[in-house]
Protein backbone atom coordinates (compact mmCIF):
# COMPACT_ATOMS: atom_id res chain seq x y z
CA MET A 1 -29.66 -17.18 66.47
CA PHE A 2 -28.71 -20.25 63.77
CA GLY A 3 -30.19 -23.09 64.28
CA ALA A 4 -32.93 -21.67 66.15
CA SER A 5 -36.08 -23.35 65.53
CA HIS A 6 -37.88 -20.32 64.08
CA PRO A 7 -36.69 -19.72 60.93
CA THR A 8 -36.84 -16.01 59.49
CA PRO A 9 -39.17 -15.45 56.74
CA PHE A 10 -38.59 -13.03 53.95
CA VAL A 11 -40.88 -11.51 50.88
CA ALA A 12 -39.32 -11.84 47.51
CA LYS A 13 -40.60 -9.61 44.39
CA ILE A 14 -40.18 -11.10 41.21
CA ASN A 15 -38.51 -8.52 38.56
CA ASP A 16 -40.64 -8.58 35.53
CA ARG A 17 -37.49 -7.22 33.69
CA LEU A 18 -36.13 -10.30 33.64
CA MET A 19 -38.71 -10.85 30.92
CA PRO A 20 -39.54 -7.76 29.61
CA LEU A 21 -40.72 -9.22 25.87
CA SER A 22 -42.55 -12.19 25.63
CA LEU A 23 -44.02 -14.43 22.84
CA THR A 24 -46.55 -17.07 22.67
CA THR A 25 -48.63 -18.85 19.40
CA GLU A 26 -52.41 -20.03 20.12
CA ARG A 27 -51.33 -23.65 19.38
CA ASN A 28 -48.05 -25.72 18.99
CA PRO A 29 -48.29 -27.72 17.00
CA SER A 30 -50.18 -26.03 14.50
CA GLN A 31 -51.29 -27.06 10.67
CA ALA A 32 -49.88 -25.60 7.60
CA ASP A 33 -53.26 -24.77 5.96
CA HIS A 34 -54.16 -22.55 9.04
CA LEU A 35 -53.31 -18.98 9.85
CA LEU A 36 -51.35 -19.16 13.24
CA LEU A 37 -51.95 -16.27 15.91
CA LEU A 38 -48.69 -14.86 17.17
CA ARG A 39 -48.80 -12.50 20.38
CA ALA A 40 -46.05 -10.55 22.07
CA ALA A 41 -46.49 -8.64 25.09
CA VAL A 42 -44.42 -6.44 26.85
CA ALA A 43 -43.85 -5.92 30.63
CA ASP A 44 -44.89 -2.39 31.06
CA ALA A 45 -47.95 -1.68 28.99
CA ARG A 46 -46.90 2.21 29.14
CA TYR A 47 -44.19 1.31 26.19
CA THR A 48 -45.32 2.31 23.01
CA GLY A 49 -44.09 1.19 19.54
CA THR A 50 -43.98 -1.89 17.01
CA VAL A 51 -43.31 -5.60 17.64
CA GLU A 52 -41.57 -7.42 14.61
CA PHE A 53 -42.46 -10.89 14.60
CA ALA A 54 -39.35 -12.88 12.94
CA GLU A 55 -37.98 -15.84 11.70
CA GLY A 56 -34.11 -15.81 11.51
CA ALA A 57 -33.44 -12.58 9.91
CA GLN A 58 -36.79 -12.99 8.06
CA SER A 59 -39.66 -10.68 8.95
CA LEU A 60 -43.07 -11.90 9.15
CA ALA A 61 -45.23 -9.03 10.31
CA SER A 62 -44.66 -5.93 11.99
CA VAL A 63 -47.46 -4.53 14.09
CA PRO A 64 -48.19 -1.41 16.63
CA LEU A 65 -48.27 -2.32 20.53
CA VAL A 66 -51.82 -1.94 22.00
CA ALA A 67 -51.90 -1.59 25.65
CA GLY A 68 -48.55 -3.37 25.95
CA VAL A 69 -49.73 -6.22 23.53
CA ALA A 70 -49.06 -7.13 19.85
CA THR A 71 -50.78 -9.91 17.99
CA ALA A 72 -50.35 -11.08 13.98
CA SER A 73 -51.91 -13.69 12.09
CA VAL A 74 -49.26 -15.35 9.84
CA SER A 75 -49.06 -18.62 7.38
CA LEU A 76 -45.88 -20.84 7.90
CA PRO A 77 -45.27 -23.94 5.92
CA ALA A 78 -45.08 -27.40 7.47
CA GLY A 79 -41.79 -27.71 9.32
CA ILE A 80 -40.28 -26.45 12.53
CA HIS A 81 -40.01 -22.79 12.87
CA ARG A 82 -37.81 -20.69 15.28
CA LEU A 83 -39.75 -17.32 15.93
CA LYS A 84 -39.04 -14.11 17.79
CA ALA A 85 -40.51 -11.02 18.55
CA ILE A 86 -37.96 -7.64 18.46
CA PHE A 87 -39.59 -4.73 20.34
CA HIS A 88 -39.28 -1.42 18.39
CA GLY A 89 -40.26 1.53 20.49
CA THR A 90 -39.85 3.71 23.64
CA GLY A 91 -38.37 2.60 27.15
CA PRO A 92 -35.11 0.80 27.76
CA PHE A 93 -35.70 -2.08 25.92
CA ASN A 94 -35.79 -0.85 22.11
CA GLY A 95 -34.26 -3.46 19.74
CA LEU A 96 -34.89 -6.33 22.32
CA ALA A 97 -35.86 -9.93 21.29
CA SER A 98 -37.94 -12.04 23.15
CA PRO A 99 -36.32 -15.80 23.78
CA GLU A 100 -36.91 -17.71 20.68
CA ILE A 101 -39.70 -20.24 20.44
CA VAL A 102 -40.07 -23.69 18.59
CA GLN A 103 -42.97 -23.74 16.61
CA VAL A 104 -44.21 -27.06 15.08
CA VAL A 105 -46.19 -26.76 11.59
CA ASN A 106 -47.62 -30.51 10.54
CA GLN A 107 -48.71 -30.86 7.25
CA ALA A 108 -52.38 -30.05 5.99
CA PRO A 109 -54.19 -33.93 5.80
CA ALA A 110 -55.03 -34.70 2.17
CA ASP A 111 -58.41 -34.62 1.18
CA ASP A 112 -60.47 -37.61 0.62
CA ASP A 113 -62.29 -36.85 -2.66
């Protein structure tokens, strides 16, 4: 009955297919004179294939998935970079790109020689 003093409980399962491919970096902002570790993960570790890390149309690296995760170290110049990961492989998400992340890369400090 509506308005009863005892609400009806419910359980919801979050669907991992809402975010089948994620991209993270080890630090943001980063520094121009350091390698930056990129990490992509697929929602289901049973999928096999490769992940391409890209900035716009430029490919930065392409690496195989290992247990649903792909990592690459890249060097980026100082500035603001819009990065994405693209899955190439088995399963229904072939060709899917991750949500874009904005990576800030600061200029390396000048040496005080």
